[in-house]
Amino acid sequence: MLQLLSLTLAYDDTRFFGSVMFTDTDRPDDKPAAVLIDHTDISPWFRLTNVDPDGQDPTVPEMVEADRIMQFILRYTPDRIGRTAADFPQP
C-alpha cells in the first residue's frame, strides 16, 4: 500500500512542475517511488513520468495515485494554470 511521502509543485501564471514521492508500507525499507509532474497544453493538462524507467505504465500504483492527486488538485485550483472548472469535469 502506498503512502504519500512528499508532494512538491511550483506554479507560475500558466504552468507548473513538481514531483510526488511515495513509500510502500508493505516494503518500508525500499527506496521511495518518485513521479515527476510537468505541465502540458492538452487535457489532462499534466504529464507524469515515473523516475523508475520500468514504471511508466499508467496502471503502476504510483502513477495511478499521482494521477488521482493531480486531478484532485487541478479540479479545485484550475485558475492556478490559466484554466476553468469546465476543463476538469467532475467524475
Protein backbone atom coordinates (compact mmCIF):
# COMPACT_ATOMS: atom_id res chain seq x y z
CA MET A 1 0.00 0.00 0.00
CA LEU A 2 1.35 3.41 -0.97
CA GLN A 3 1.68 6.27 1.47
CA LEU A 4 2.31 9.84 0.34
CA LEU A 5 5.78 10.93 1.41
CA SER A 6 6.18 14.26 -0.39
CA LEU A 7 4.33 16.47 -2.89
CA THR A 8 6.05 19.48 -4.42
CA LEU A 9 4.51 21.76 -7.05
CA ALA A 10 5.84 25.03 -8.41
CA TYR A 11 3.50 27.33 -10.36
CA ASP A 12 3.86 30.41 -12.49
CA ASP A 13 0.90 32.12 -14.20
CA THR A 14 0.06 29.26 -16.56
CA ARG A 15 2.47 26.38 -16.00
CA PHE A 16 3.64 24.09 -13.23
CA PHE A 17 6.05 21.30 -12.48
CA GLY A 18 6.87 19.16 -9.48
CA SER A 19 7.12 15.69 -8.07
CA VAL A 20 5.33 13.30 -5.81
CA MET A 21 7.02 10.62 -3.72
CA PHE A 22 5.51 7.54 -2.11
CA THR A 23 6.66 4.90 0.31
CA ASP A 24 5.32 1.37 0.21
CA THR A 25 4.05 0.46 3.67
CA ASP A 26 4.40 -3.23 2.80
CA ARG A 27 8.11 -2.71 1.97
CA PRO A 28 9.27 0.17 4.19
CA ASP A 29 13.00 -0.40 3.50
CA ASP A 30 12.65 0.01 -0.28
CA LYS A 31 13.67 3.23 -1.99
CA PRO A 32 10.68 5.63 -2.27
CA ALA A 33 8.88 5.76 -5.62
CA ALA A 34 9.02 9.16 -7.32
CA VAL A 35 6.85 10.53 -10.12
CA LEU A 36 7.70 13.77 -11.91
CA ILE A 37 4.90 16.15 -12.89
CA ASP A 38 5.04 18.55 -15.83
CA HIS A 39 2.56 20.91 -17.45
CA THR A 40 1.10 20.16 -20.90
CA ASP A 41 -1.14 22.27 -23.11
CA ILE A 42 -3.66 19.47 -23.72
CA SER A 43 -6.05 17.67 -21.41
CA PRO A 44 -5.48 16.44 -18.70
CA TRP A 45 -3.05 19.44 -18.56
CA PHE A 46 -0.23 17.47 -16.93
CA ARG A 47 2.23 14.70 -17.81
CA LEU A 48 3.55 12.13 -15.35
CA THR A 49 6.95 10.48 -15.65
CA ASN A 50 7.99 7.76 -13.25
CA VAL A 51 11.62 8.03 -12.15
CA ASP A 52 11.75 4.23 -12.43
CA PRO A 53 12.13 3.58 -16.19
CA ASP A 54 10.26 0.28 -15.79
CA GLY A 55 7.31 2.04 -14.12
CA GLN A 56 6.00 4.20 -16.99
CA ASP A 57 2.80 2.17 -17.41
CA PRO A 58 -0.14 4.33 -16.26
CA THR A 59 -1.50 1.35 -14.27
CA VAL A 60 1.56 1.20 -11.98
CA PRO A 61 0.28 2.08 -8.47
CA GLU A 62 2.41 5.20 -8.01
CA MET A 63 1.34 6.51 -11.44
CA VAL A 64 -2.33 5.88 -10.63
CA GLU A 65 -2.03 7.65 -7.31
CA ALA A 66 -0.07 10.60 -8.75
CA ASP A 67 -2.76 10.98 -11.44
CA ARG A 68 -5.51 10.92 -8.81
CA ILE A 69 -3.73 13.57 -6.73
CA MET A 70 -3.16 15.86 -9.71
CA GLN A 71 -6.76 15.51 -10.90
CA PHE A 72 -7.92 16.50 -7.41
CA ILE A 73 -5.57 19.49 -7.12
CA LEU A 74 -6.32 20.87 -10.56
CA ARG A 75 -10.06 20.34 -10.22
CA TYR A 76 -10.11 22.71 -7.25
CA THR A 77 -7.46 25.19 -8.42
CA PRO A 78 -7.79 25.40 -12.23
CA ASP A 79 -7.16 29.15 -12.22
CA ARG A 80 -3.61 28.47 -10.99
CA ILE A 81 -2.76 27.20 -14.50
CA GLY A 82 -4.99 29.50 -16.53
CA ARG A 83 -7.90 27.04 -16.81
CA THR A 84 -11.51 26.98 -15.66
CA ALA A 85 -13.58 24.41 -13.79
CA ALA A 86 -15.07 23.34 -17.15
CA ASP A 87 -11.64 21.95 -18.09
CA PHE A 88 -11.95 19.49 -15.19
CA PRO A 89 -15.33 17.74 -15.31
CA GLN A 90 -16.46 16.08 -12.11
CA PRO A 91 -16.37 12.25 -12.19
